[in-house]
Every structure is written in structure tokens, then in C-alpha cells.
Amino acid sequence: VGAQNAFLFEQAIKRHYGWLMASIFIISDALSMSLGAFGFGYL
């Protein structure tokens, strides 16, 4: 997923909300995977 990585990398270089962005991406992944496990992927 290149768009996420490029955006996060720039924020990390600038040391500007890098950890926050990483956490948001992780939470988004966790939420989406969990919804998929509950069957939302079929929806």
C-alpha cells in the first residue's frame, strides 16, 4: 500500500505526527481486518 507508506515516511522524516499516523494506520488495518472476519467483506 504505497500511498500510506509514502505519506507516513514524509511525516516521520519531519518528525511531525509520525507516531500518530502510524497508530491510525494500524487501527484502520485492525478495524478493517476485524470487520472482514465478521463477514463485512462479503457485503
PDB file of all heavy atoms in Angstrom:
ATOM      1  N   VAL A   1       0.861  -1.196   0.000  1.00  0.00           N
ATOM      2  CA  VAL A   1       0.000   0.000   0.000  1.00  0.00           C
ATOM      3  C   VAL A   1       0.891   1.237   0.000  1.00  0.00           C
ATOM      4  O   VAL A   1       1.234   1.782   1.035  1.00  0.00           O
ATOM      5  CB  VAL A   1      -0.943   0.005   1.218  1.00  0.00           C
ATOM      6  CG1 VAL A   1      -1.890   1.198   1.144  1.00  0.00           C
ATOM      7  CG2 VAL A   1      -1.739  -1.283   1.284  1.00  0.00           C
ATOM      8  N   GLY A   2       1.301   1.681  -1.200  1.00  0.00           N
ATOM      9  CA  GLY A   2       2.310   2.723  -1.327  1.00  0.00           C
ATOM     10  C   GLY A   2       1.915   4.098  -0.842  1.00  0.00           C
ATOM     11  O   GLY A   2       2.752   4.855  -0.353  1.00  0.00           O
ATOM     12  N   ALA A   3       0.652   4.475  -1.005  1.00  0.00           N
ATOM     13  CA  ALA A   3       0.233   5.822  -0.618  1.00  0.00           C
ATOM     14  C   ALA A   3       0.400   6.047   0.880  1.00  0.00           C
ATOM     15  O   ALA A   3       0.885   7.094   1.318  1.00  0.00           O
ATOM     16  CB  ALA A   3      -1.223   6.047  -1.035  1.00  0.00           C
ATOM     17  N   GLN A   4       0.006   5.066   1.672  1.00  0.00           N
ATOM     18  CA  GLN A   4       0.176   5.169   3.119  1.00  0.00           C
ATOM     19  C   GLN A   4       1.641   5.282   3.494  1.00  0.00           C
ATOM     20  O   GLN A   4       2.036   6.122   4.298  1.00  0.00           O
ATOM     21  CB  GLN A   4      -0.413   3.936   3.811  1.00  0.00           C
ATOM     22  CG  GLN A   4      -1.918   3.910   3.939  1.00  0.00           C
ATOM     23  CD  GLN A   4      -2.363   2.674   4.706  1.00  0.00           C
ATOM     24  OE1 GLN A   4      -1.828   1.583   4.524  1.00  0.00           O
ATOM     25  NE2 GLN A   4      -3.341   2.840   5.553  1.00  0.00           N
ATOM     26  N   ASN A   5       2.447   4.411   2.912  1.00  0.00           N
ATOM     27  CA  ASN A   5       3.858   4.368   3.252  1.00  0.00           C
ATOM     28  C   ASN A   5       4.574   5.669   2.916  1.00  0.00           C
ATOM     29  O   ASN A   5       5.382   6.167   3.701  1.00  0.00           O
ATOM     30  CB  ASN A   5       4.537   3.203   2.523  1.00  0.00           C
ATOM     31  CG  ASN A   5       3.995   1.853   2.962  1.00  0.00           C
ATOM     32  OD1 ASN A   5       3.490   1.706   4.055  1.00  0.00           O
ATOM     33  ND2 ASN A   5       4.077   0.875   2.079  1.00  0.00           N
ATOM     34  N   ALA A   6       4.292   6.220   1.731  1.00  0.00           N
ATOM     35  CA  ALA A   6       4.934   7.466   1.312  1.00  0.00           C
ATOM     36  C   ALA A   6       4.536   8.617   2.231  1.00  0.00           C
ATOM     37  O   ALA A   6       5.380   9.435   2.634  1.00  0.00           O
ATOM     38  CB  ALA A   6       4.559   7.780  -0.140  1.00  0.00           C
ATOM     39  N   PHE A   7       3.257   8.686   2.572  1.00  0.00           N
ATOM     40  CA  PHE A   7       2.778   9.764   3.442  1.00  0.00           C
ATOM     41  C   PHE A   7       3.386   9.647   4.840  1.00  0.00           C
ATOM     42  O   PHE A   7       3.867  10.632   5.409  1.00  0.00           O
ATOM     43  CB  PHE A   7       1.252   9.721   3.530  1.00  0.00           C
ATOM     44  CG  PHE A   7       0.671  10.776   4.425  1.00  0.00           C
ATOM     45  CD1 PHE A   7       0.649  12.105   4.032  1.00  0.00           C
ATOM     46  CD2 PHE A   7       0.151  10.448   5.670  1.00  0.00           C
ATOM     47  CE1 PHE A   7       0.125  13.089   4.861  1.00  0.00           C
ATOM     48  CE2 PHE A   7      -0.375  11.426   6.506  1.00  0.00           C
ATOM     49  CZ  PHE A   7      -0.383  12.748   6.101  1.00  0.00           C
ATOM     50  N   LEU A   8       3.372   8.440   5.389  1.00  0.00           N
ATOM     51  CA  LEU A   8       3.928   8.227   6.728  1.00  0.00           C
ATOM     52  C   LEU A   8       5.414   8.521   6.757  1.00  0.00           C
ATOM     53  O   LEU A   8       5.918   9.130   7.712  1.00  0.00           O
ATOM     54  CB  LEU A   8       3.669   6.785   7.175  1.00  0.00           C
ATOM     55  CG  LEU A   8       4.294   6.368   8.521  1.00  0.00           C
ATOM     56  CD1 LEU A   8       3.775   7.245   9.649  1.00  0.00           C
ATOM     57  CD2 LEU A   8       4.006   4.898   8.807  1.00  0.00           C
ATOM     58  N   PHE A   9       6.134   8.107   5.720  1.00  0.00           N
ATOM     59  CA  PHE A   9       7.579   8.312   5.667  1.00  0.00           C
ATOM     60  C   PHE A   9       7.923   9.801   5.702  1.00  0.00           C
ATOM     61  O   PHE A   9       8.847  10.221   6.411  1.00  0.00           O
ATOM     62  CB  PHE A   9       8.147   7.666   4.401  1.00  0.00           C
ATOM     63  CG  PHE A   9       9.624   7.501   4.419  1.00  0.00           C
ATOM     64  CD1 PHE A   9      10.245   6.729   5.392  1.00  0.00           C
ATOM     65  CD2 PHE A   9      10.413   8.110   3.447  1.00  0.00           C
ATOM     66  CE1 PHE A   9      11.617   6.567   5.409  1.00  0.00           C
ATOM     67  CE2 PHE A   9      11.780   7.956   3.458  1.00  0.00           C
ATOM     68  CZ  PHE A   9      12.390   7.173   4.426  1.00  0.00           C
ATOM     69  N   GLU A  10       7.154  10.596   4.975  1.00  0.00           N
ATOM     70  CA  GLU A  10       7.398  12.043   4.965  1.00  0.00           C
ATOM     71  C   GLU A  10       7.139  12.648   6.340  1.00  0.00           C
ATOM     72  O   GLU A  10       7.914  13.470   6.825  1.00  0.00           O
ATOM     73  CB  GLU A  10       6.515  12.728   3.923  1.00  0.00           C
ATOM     74  CG  GLU A  10       6.712  14.231   3.877  1.00  0.00           C
ATOM     75  CD  GLU A  10       5.903  14.907   2.778  1.00  0.00           C
ATOM     76  OE1 GLU A  10       5.331  14.191   1.927  1.00  0.00           O
ATOM     77  OE2 GLU A  10       5.850  16.153   2.768  1.00  0.00           O
ATOM     78  N   GLN A  11       6.049  12.251   6.981  1.00  0.00           N
ATOM     79  CA  GLN A  11       5.748  12.781   8.309  1.00  0.00           C
ATOM     80  C   GLN A  11       6.812  12.354   9.325  1.00  0.00           C
ATOM     81  O   GLN A  11       7.163  13.112  10.227  1.00  0.00           O
ATOM     82  CB  GLN A  11       4.368  12.298   8.772  1.00  0.00           C
ATOM     83  CG  GLN A  11       3.212  12.773   7.906  1.00  0.00           C
ATOM     84  CD  GLN A  11       3.224  14.270   7.664  1.00  0.00           C
ATOM     85  OE1 GLN A  11       3.268  14.723   6.529  1.00  0.00           O
ATOM     86  NE2 GLN A  11       3.210  15.034   8.732  1.00  0.00           N
ATOM     87  N   ALA A  12       7.321  11.131   9.164  1.00  0.00           N
ATOM     88  CA  ALA A  12       8.341  10.635  10.089  1.00  0.00           C
ATOM     89  C   ALA A  12       9.651  11.391   9.916  1.00  0.00           C
ATOM     90  O   ALA A  12      10.322  11.719  10.904  1.00  0.00           O
ATOM     91  CB  ALA A  12       8.562   9.135   9.876  1.00  0.00           C
ATOM     92  N   ILE A  13      10.024  11.676   8.664  1.00  0.00           N
ATOM     93  CA  ILE A  13      11.247  12.432   8.410  1.00  0.00           C
ATOM     94  C   ILE A  13      11.165  13.809   9.053  1.00  0.00           C
ATOM     95  O   ILE A  13      12.123  14.302   9.655  1.00  0.00           O
ATOM     96  CB  ILE A  13      11.492  12.560   6.890  1.00  0.00           C
ATOM     97  CG1 ILE A  13      11.862  11.203   6.293  1.00  0.00           C
ATOM     98  CG2 ILE A  13      12.606  13.569   6.610  1.00  0.00           C
ATOM     99  CD1 ILE A  13      11.994  11.215   4.781  1.00  0.00           C
ATOM    100  N   LYS A  14      10.001  14.425   8.934  1.00  0.00           N
ATOM    101  CA  LYS A  14       9.798  15.753   9.524  1.00  0.00           C
ATOM    102  C   LYS A  14       9.574  15.684  11.035  1.00  0.00           C
ATOM    103  O   LYS A  14       9.528  16.719  11.699  1.00  0.00           O
ATOM    104  CB  LYS A  14       8.593  16.434   8.874  1.00  0.00           C
ATOM    105  CG  LYS A  14       8.788  16.806   7.424  1.00  0.00           C
ATOM    106  CD  LYS A  14       7.548  17.509   6.872  1.00  0.00           C
ATOM    107  CE  LYS A  14       7.742  17.962   5.452  1.00  0.00           C
ATOM    108  NZ  LYS A  14       6.557  18.685   4.918  1.00  0.00           N
ATOM    109  N   ARG A  15       9.419  14.455  11.546  1.00  0.00           N
ATOM    110  CA  ARG A  15       9.088  14.240  12.964  1.00  0.00           C
ATOM    111  C   ARG A  15       7.826  15.026  13.335  1.00  0.00           C
ATOM    112  O   ARG A  15       7.764  15.708  14.367  1.00  0.00           O
ATOM    113  CB  ARG A  15      10.268  14.624  13.870  1.00  0.00           C
ATOM    114  CG  ARG A  15      11.495  13.777  13.616  1.00  0.00           C
ATOM    115  CD  ARG A  15      12.479  13.805  14.756  1.00  0.00           C
ATOM    116  NE  ARG A  15      13.558  12.844  14.536  1.00  0.00           N
ATOM    117  CZ  ARG A  15      14.425  12.464  15.455  1.00  0.00           C
ATOM    118  NH1 ARG A  15      14.344  12.968  16.679  1.00  0.00           N
ATOM    119  NH2 ARG A  15      15.371  11.592  15.185  1.00  0.00           N
ATOM    120  N   HIS A  16       6.839  14.895  12.473  1.00  0.00           N
ATOM    121  CA  HIS A  16       5.588  15.641  12.632  1.00  0.00           C
ATOM    122  C   HIS A  16       4.415  14.670  12.608  1.00  0.00           C
ATOM    123  O   HIS A  16       3.945  14.276  11.530  1.00  0.00           O
ATOM    124  CB  HIS A  16       5.469  16.673  11.515  1.00  0.00           C
ATOM    125  CG  HIS A  16       4.282  17.590  11.651  1.00  0.00           C
ATOM    126  ND1 HIS A  16       4.092  18.390  12.755  1.00  0.00           N
ATOM    127  CD2 HIS A  16       3.240  17.841  10.820  1.00  0.00           C
ATOM    128  CE1 HIS A  16       2.982  19.087  12.609  1.00  0.00           C
ATOM    129  NE2 HIS A  16       2.444  18.778  11.447  1.00  0.00           N
ATOM    130  N   TYR A  17       3.976  14.250  13.789  1.00  0.00           N
ATOM    131  CA  TYR A  17       2.851  13.329  13.940  1.00  0.00           C
ATOM    132  C   TYR A  17       3.101  11.964  13.283  1.00  0.00           C
ATOM    133  O   TYR A  17       2.152  11.285  12.884  1.00  0.00           O
ATOM    134  CB  TYR A  17       1.561  13.940  13.373  1.00  0.00           C
ATOM    135  CG  TYR A  17       1.128  15.208  14.064  1.00  0.00           C
ATOM    136  CD1 TYR A  17       0.961  16.388  13.343  1.00  0.00           C
ATOM    137  CD2 TYR A  17       0.893  15.229  15.440  1.00  0.00           C
ATOM    138  CE1 TYR A  17       0.559  17.564  13.969  1.00  0.00           C
ATOM    139  CE2 TYR A  17       0.488  16.397  16.081  1.00  0.00           C
ATOM    140  CZ  TYR A  17       0.332  17.567  15.345  1.00  0.00           C
ATOM    141  OH  TYR A  17      -0.054  18.713  15.967  1.00  0.00           O
ATOM    142  N   GLY A  18       4.357  11.573  13.174  1.00  0.00           N
ATOM    143  CA  GLY A  18       4.668  10.284  12.568  1.00  0.00           C
ATOM    144  C   GLY A  18       4.086   9.118  13.353  1.00  0.00           C
ATOM    145  O   GLY A  18       3.452   8.223  12.791  1.00  0.00           O
ATOM    146  N   TRP A  19       4.292   9.134  14.676  1.00  0.00           N
ATOM    147  CA  TRP A  19       3.781   8.040  15.518  1.00  0.00           C
ATOM    148  C   TRP A  19       2.255   8.015  15.507  1.00  0.00           C
ATOM    149  O   TRP A  19       1.644   6.946  15.516  1.00  0.00           O
ATOM    150  CB  TRP A  19       4.285   8.182  16.952  1.00  0.00           C
ATOM    151  CG  TRP A  19       5.759   8.001  17.102  1.00  0.00           C
ATOM    152  CD1 TRP A  19       6.683   8.939  17.484  1.00  0.00           C
ATOM    153  CD2 TRP A  19       6.514   6.792  16.856  1.00  0.00           C
ATOM    154  NE1 TRP A  19       7.941   8.410  17.488  1.00  0.00           N
ATOM    155  CE2 TRP A  19       7.873   7.096  17.126  1.00  0.00           C
ATOM    156  CE3 TRP A  19       6.171   5.513  16.446  1.00  0.00           C
ATOM    157  CZ2 TRP A  19       8.883   6.145  16.983  1.00  0.00           C
ATOM    158  CZ3 TRP A  19       7.176   4.568  16.297  1.00  0.00           C
ATOM    159  CH2 TRP A  19       8.506   4.876  16.560  1.00  0.00           C
ATOM    160  N   LEU A  20       1.649   9.195  15.492  1.00  0.00           N
ATOM    161  CA  LEU A  20       0.184   9.271  15.458  1.00  0.00           C
ATOM    162  C   LEU A  20      -0.352   8.675  14.157  1.00  0.00           C
ATOM    163  O   LEU A  20      -1.318   7.904  14.172  1.00  0.00           O
ATOM    164  CB  LEU A  20      -0.267  10.723  15.605  1.00  0.00           C
ATOM    165  CG  LEU A  20      -1.780  10.975  15.506  1.00  0.00           C
ATOM    166  CD1 LEU A  20      -2.515  10.230  16.617  1.00  0.00           C
ATOM    167  CD2 LEU A  20      -2.086  12.470  15.564  1.00  0.00           C
ATOM    168  N   MET A  21       0.284   9.031  13.034  1.00  0.00           N
ATOM    169  CA  MET A  21      -0.159   8.495  11.744  1.00  0.00           C
ATOM    170  C   MET A  21       0.023   6.984  11.685  1.00  0.00           C
ATOM    171  O   MET A  21      -0.843   6.262  11.174  1.00  0.00           O
ATOM    172  CB  MET A  21       0.614   9.161  10.607  1.00  0.00           C
ATOM    173  CG  MET A  21       0.180  10.574  10.288  1.00  0.00           C
ATOM    174  SD  MET A  21      -1.545  10.658   9.727  1.00  0.00           S
ATOM    175  CE  MET A  21      -2.368  11.102  11.251  1.00  0.00           C
ATOM    176  N   ALA A  22       1.150   6.512  12.197  1.00  0.00           N
ATOM    177  CA  ALA A  22       1.383   5.066  12.218  1.00  0.00           C
ATOM    178  C   ALA A  22       0.293   4.370  13.029  1.00  0.00           C
ATOM    179  O   ALA A  22      -0.222   3.316  12.623  1.00  0.00           O
ATOM    180  CB  ALA A  22       2.758   4.765  12.802  1.00  0.00           C
ATOM    181  N   SER A  23      -0.071   4.962  14.156  1.00  0.00           N
ATOM    182  CA  SER A  23      -1.106   4.374  15.016  1.00  0.00           C
ATOM    183  C   SER A  23      -2.460   4.361  14.310  1.00  0.00           C
ATOM    184  O   SER A  23      -3.216   3.379  14.415  1.00  0.00           O
ATOM    185  CB  SER A  23      -1.213   5.164  16.325  1.00  0.00           C
ATOM    186  OG  SER A  23       0.003   5.118  17.047  1.00  0.00           O
ATOM    187  N   ILE A  24      -2.769   5.424  13.578  1.00  0.00           N
ATOM    188  CA  ILE A  24      -4.039   5.489  12.849  1.00  0.00           C
ATOM    189  C   ILE A  24      -4.086   4.429  11.753  1.00  0.00           C
ATOM    190  O   ILE A  24      -5.118   3.772  11.549  1.00  0.00           O
ATOM    191  CB  ILE A  24      -4.254   6.895  12.261  1.00  0.00           C
ATOM    192  CG1 ILE A  24      -4.589   7.883  13.395  1.00  0.00           C
ATOM    193  CG2 ILE A  24      -5.358   6.897  11.204  1.00  0.00           C
ATOM    194  CD1 ILE A  24      -4.699   9.311  12.955  1.00  0.00           C
ATOM    195  N   PHE A  25      -2.969   4.236  11.056  1.00  0.00           N
ATOM    196  CA  PHE A  25      -2.922   3.214  10.012  1.00  0.00           C
ATOM    197  C   PHE A  25      -3.089   1.820  10.609  1.00  0.00           C
ATOM    198  O   PHE A  25      -3.759   0.958  10.033  1.00  0.00           O
ATOM    199  CB  PHE A  25      -1.610   3.301   9.244  1.00  0.00           C
ATOM    200  CG  PHE A  25      -1.471   4.547   8.407  1.00  0.00           C
ATOM    201  CD1 PHE A  25      -0.228   4.967   7.961  1.00  0.00           C
ATOM    202  CD2 PHE A  25      -2.579   5.296   8.059  1.00  0.00           C
ATOM    203  CE1 PHE A  25      -0.094   6.103   7.181  1.00  0.00           C
ATOM    204  CE2 PHE A  25      -2.458   6.448   7.288  1.00  0.00           C
ATOM    205  CZ  PHE A  25      -1.204   6.854   6.847  1.00  0.00           C
ATOM    206  N   ILE A  26      -2.470   1.596  11.752  1.00  0.00           N
ATOM    207  CA  ILE A  26      -2.584   0.295  12.429  1.00  0.00           C
ATOM    208  C   ILE A  26      -4.017   0.045  12.879  1.00  0.00           C
ATOM    209  O   ILE A  26      -4.566  -1.042  12.680  1.00  0.00           O
ATOM    210  CB  ILE A  26      -1.613   0.229  13.628  1.00  0.00           C
ATOM    211  CG1 ILE A  26      -0.165   0.205  13.134  1.00  0.00           C
ATOM    212  CG2 ILE A  26      -1.905  -1.002  14.494  1.00  0.00           C
ATOM    213  CD1 ILE A  26       0.857   0.466  14.228  1.00  0.00           C
ATOM    214  N   ILE A  27      -4.628   1.061  13.495  1.00  0.00           N
ATOM    215  CA  ILE A  27      -6.016   0.928  13.952  1.00  0.00           C
ATOM    216  C   ILE A  27      -6.947   0.691  12.763  1.00  0.00           C
ATOM    217  O   ILE A  27      -7.878  -0.121  12.835  1.00  0.00           O
ATOM    218  CB  ILE A  27      -6.442   2.187  14.741  1.00  0.00           C
ATOM    219  CG1 ILE A  27      -5.661   2.259  16.060  1.00  0.00           C
ATOM    220  CG2 ILE A  27      -7.943   2.177  15.014  1.00  0.00           C
ATOM    221  CD1 ILE A  27      -5.842   3.571  16.809  1.00  0.00           C
ATOM    222  N   SER A  28      -6.682   1.387  11.652  1.00  0.00           N
ATOM    223  CA  SER A  28      -7.508   1.205  10.442  1.00  0.00           C
ATOM    224  C   SER A  28      -7.384  -0.222   9.927  1.00  0.00           C
ATOM    225  O   SER A  28      -8.393  -0.847   9.556  1.00  0.00           O
ATOM    226  CB  SER A  28      -7.071   2.194   9.355  1.00  0.00           C
ATOM    227  OG  SER A  28      -7.324   3.529   9.749  1.00  0.00           O
ATOM    228  N   ASP A  29      -6.160  -0.735   9.904  1.00  0.00           N
ATOM    229  CA  ASP A  29      -5.963  -2.122   9.467  1.00  0.00           C
ATOM    230  C   ASP A  29      -6.683  -3.098  10.389  1.00  0.00           C
ATOM    231  O   ASP A  29      -7.353  -4.032   9.924  1.00  0.00           O
ATOM    232  CB  ASP A  29      -4.460  -2.457   9.449  1.00  0.00           C
ATOM    233  CG  ASP A  29      -3.755  -1.934   8.206  1.00  0.00           C
ATOM    234  OD1 ASP A  29      -4.452  -1.482   7.283  1.00  0.00           O
ATOM    235  OD2 ASP A  29      -2.511  -1.975   8.170  1.00  0.00           O
ATOM    236  N   ALA A  30      -6.523  -2.875  11.687  1.00  0.00           N
ATOM    237  CA  ALA A  30      -7.144  -3.769  12.670  1.00  0.00           C
ATOM    238  C   ALA A  30      -8.664  -3.750  12.530  1.00  0.00           C
ATOM    239  O   ALA A  30      -9.324  -4.801  12.569  1.00  0.00           O
ATOM    240  CB  ALA A  30      -6.736  -3.365  14.082  1.00  0.00           C
ATOM    241  N   LEU A  31      -9.224  -2.563  12.347  1.00  0.00           N
ATOM    242  CA  LEU A  31     -10.674  -2.421  12.204  1.00  0.00           C
ATOM    243  C   LEU A  31     -11.170  -3.109  10.925  1.00  0.00           C
ATOM    244  O   LEU A  31     -12.150  -3.863  10.947  1.00  0.00           O
ATOM    245  CB  LEU A  31     -11.053  -0.944  12.184  1.00  0.00           C
ATOM    246  CG  LEU A  31     -12.533  -0.615  11.966  1.00  0.00           C
ATOM    247  CD1 LEU A  31     -13.387  -1.212  13.080  1.00  0.00           C
ATOM    248  CD2 LEU A  31     -12.739   0.898  11.901  1.00  0.00           C
ATOM    249  N   SER A  32     -10.470  -2.862   9.828  1.00  0.00           N
ATOM    250  CA  SER A  32     -10.896  -3.428   8.552  1.00  0.00           C
ATOM    251  C   SER A  32     -10.770  -4.953   8.537  1.00  0.00           C
ATOM    252  O   SER A  32     -11.664  -5.650   8.051  1.00  0.00           O
ATOM    253  CB  SER A  32     -10.069  -2.821   7.413  1.00  0.00           C
ATOM    254  OG  SER A  32     -10.541  -3.254   6.162  1.00  0.00           O
ATOM    255  N   MET A  33      -9.663  -5.470   9.076  1.00  0.00           N
ATOM    256  CA  MET A  33      -9.490  -6.926   9.141  1.00  0.00           C
ATOM    257  C   MET A  33     -10.564  -7.565  10.024  1.00  0.00           C
ATOM    258  O   MET A  33     -11.112  -8.623   9.687  1.00  0.00           O
ATOM    259  CB  MET A  33      -8.098  -7.276   9.693  1.00  0.00           C
ATOM    260  CG  MET A  33      -6.952  -6.978   8.764  1.00  0.00           C
ATOM    261  SD  MET A  33      -5.370  -7.443   9.539  1.00  0.00           S
ATOM    262  CE  MET A  33      -4.220  -6.518   8.529  1.00  0.00           C
ATOM    263  N   SER A  34     -10.859  -6.928  11.140  1.00  0.00           N
ATOM    264  CA  SER A  34     -11.865  -7.475  12.062  1.00  0.00           C
ATOM    265  C   SER A  34     -13.245  -7.467  11.428  1.00  0.00           C
ATOM    266  O   SER A  34     -14.012  -8.434  11.562  1.00  0.00           O
ATOM    267  CB  SER A  34     -11.873  -6.671  13.365  1.00  0.00           C
ATOM    268  OG  SER A  34     -10.619  -6.754  14.022  1.00  0.00           O
ATOM    269  N   LEU A  35     -13.568  -6.386  10.733  1.00  0.00           N
ATOM    270  CA  LEU A  35     -14.855  -6.326  10.030  1.00  0.00           C
ATOM    271  C   LEU A  35     -14.936  -7.418   8.971  1.00  0.00           C
ATOM    272  O   LEU A  35     -15.983  -8.037   8.770  1.00  0.00           O
ATOM    273  CB  LEU A  35     -15.050  -4.955   9.389  1.00  0.00           C
ATOM    274  CG  LEU A  35     -15.317  -3.791  10.350  1.00  0.00           C
ATOM    275  CD1 LEU A  35     -15.346  -2.473   9.591  1.00  0.00           C
ATOM    276  CD2 LEU A  35     -16.637  -3.997  11.091  1.00  0.00           C
ATOM    277  N   GLY A  36     -13.800  -7.659   8.311  1.00  0.00           N
ATOM    278  CA  GLY A  36     -13.761  -8.724   7.316  1.00  0.00           C
ATOM    279  C   GLY A  36     -13.998 -10.084   7.941  1.00  0.00           C
ATOM    280  O   GLY A  36     -14.702 -10.933   7.381  1.00  0.00           O
ATOM    281  N   ALA A  37     -13.436 -10.297   9.121  1.00  0.00           N
ATOM    282  CA  ALA A  37     -13.623 -11.569   9.831  1.00  0.00           C
ATOM    283  C   ALA A  37     -15.075 -11.756  10.248  1.00  0.00           C
ATOM    284  O   ALA A  37     -15.565 -12.890  10.343  1.00  0.00           O
ATOM    285  CB  ALA A  37     -12.711 -11.619  11.052  1.00  0.00           C
ATOM    286  N   PHE A  38     -15.770 -10.647  10.484  1.00  0.00           N
ATOM    287  CA  PHE A  38     -17.187 -10.713  10.836  1.00  0.00           C
ATOM    288  C   PHE A  38     -18.090 -10.860   9.616  1.00  0.00           C
ATOM    289  O   PHE A  38     -19.308 -10.952   9.747  1.00  0.00           O
ATOM    290  CB  PHE A  38     -17.594  -9.465  11.619  1.00  0.00           C
ATOM    291  CG  PHE A  38     -17.227  -9.507  13.076  1.00  0.00           C
ATOM    292  CD1 PHE A  38     -16.374  -8.564  13.626  1.00  0.00           C
ATOM    293  CD2 PHE A  38     -17.732 -10.505  13.917  1.00  0.00           C
ATOM    294  CE1 PHE A  38     -16.029  -8.599  14.974  1.00  0.00           C
ATOM    295  CE2 PHE A  38     -17.401 -10.547  15.257  1.00  0.00           C
ATOM    296  CZ  PHE A  38     -16.545  -9.596  15.792  1.00  0.00           C
ATOM    297  N   GLY A  39     -17.479 -10.841   8.425  1.00  0.00           N
ATOM    298  CA  GLY A  39     -18.249 -11.055   7.211  1.00  0.00           C
ATOM    299  C   GLY A  39     -18.568  -9.806   6.407  1.00  0.00           C
ATOM    300  O   GLY A  39     -19.271  -9.885   5.399  1.00  0.00           O
ATOM    301  N   PHE A  40     -18.038  -8.645   6.829  1.00  0.00           N
ATOM    302  CA  PHE A  40     -18.339  -7.417   6.099  1.00  0.00           C
ATOM    303  C   PHE A  40     -17.695  -7.395   4.719  1.00  0.00           C
ATOM    304  O   PHE A  40     -18.109  -6.637   3.840  1.00  0.00           O
ATOM    305  CB  PHE A  40     -17.885  -6.192   6.905  1.00  0.00           C
ATOM    306  CG  PHE A  40     -18.868  -5.768   7.953  1.00  0.00           C
ATOM    307  CD1 PHE A  40     -18.950  -6.444   9.164  1.00  0.00           C
ATOM    308  CD2 PHE A  40     -19.720  -4.698   7.741  1.00  0.00           C
ATOM    309  CE1 PHE A  40     -19.861  -6.061  10.137  1.00  0.00           C
ATOM    310  CE2 PHE A  40     -20.633  -4.311   8.701  1.00  0.00           C
ATOM    311  CZ  PHE A  40     -20.710  -4.992   9.911  1.00  0.00           C
ATOM    312  N   GLY A  41     -16.647  -8.222   4.533  1.00  0.00           N
ATOM    313  CA  GLY A  41     -16.014  -8.296   3.226  1.00  0.00           C
ATOM    314  C   GLY A  41     -16.981  -8.767   2.156  1.00  0.00           C
ATOM    315  O   GLY A  41     -16.961  -8.293   1.016  1.00  0.00           O
ATOM    316  N   TYR A  42     -17.863  -9.690   2.529  1.00  0.00           N
ATOM    317  CA  TYR A  42     -18.864 -10.181   1.588  1.00  0.00           C
ATOM    318  C   TYR A  42     -19.869  -9.079   1.248  1.00  0.00           C
ATOM    319  O   TYR A  42     -20.380  -9.013   0.129  1.00  0.00           O
ATOM    320  CB  TYR A  42     -19.589 -11.393   2.170  1.00  0.00           C
ATOM    321  CG  TYR A  42     -18.700 -12.602   2.322  1.00  0.00           C
ATOM    322  CD1 TYR A  42     -18.348 -13.073   3.576  1.00  0.00           C
ATOM    323  CD2 TYR A  42     -18.206 -13.263   1.199  1.00  0.00           C
ATOM    324  CE1 TYR A  42     -17.518 -14.182   3.727  1.00  0.00           C
ATOM    325  CE2 TYR A  42     -17.376 -14.370   1.326  1.00  0.00           C
ATOM    326  CZ  TYR A  42     -17.042 -14.828   2.589  1.00  0.00           C
ATOM    327  OH  TYR A  42     -16.222 -15.911   2.727  1.00  0.00           O
ATOM    328  N   LEU A  43     -20.141  -8.218   2.227  1.00  0.00           N
ATOM    329  CA  LEU A  43     -21.050  -7.095   1.984  1.00  0.00           C
ATOM    330  C   LEU A  43     -20.449  -6.148   0.955  1.00  0.00           C
ATOM    331  O   LEU A  43     -21.148  -5.685   0.042  1.00  0.00           O
ATOM    332  CB  LEU A  43     -21.326  -6.345   3.290  1.00  0.00           C
ATOM    333  CG  LEU A  43     -22.166  -5.060   3.175  1.00  0.00           C
ATOM    334  CD1 LEU A  43     -23.563  -5.386   2.659  1.00  0.00           C
ATOM    335  CD2 LEU A  43     -22.240  -4.349   4.528  1.00  0.00           C
TER     336      LEU A  43
END
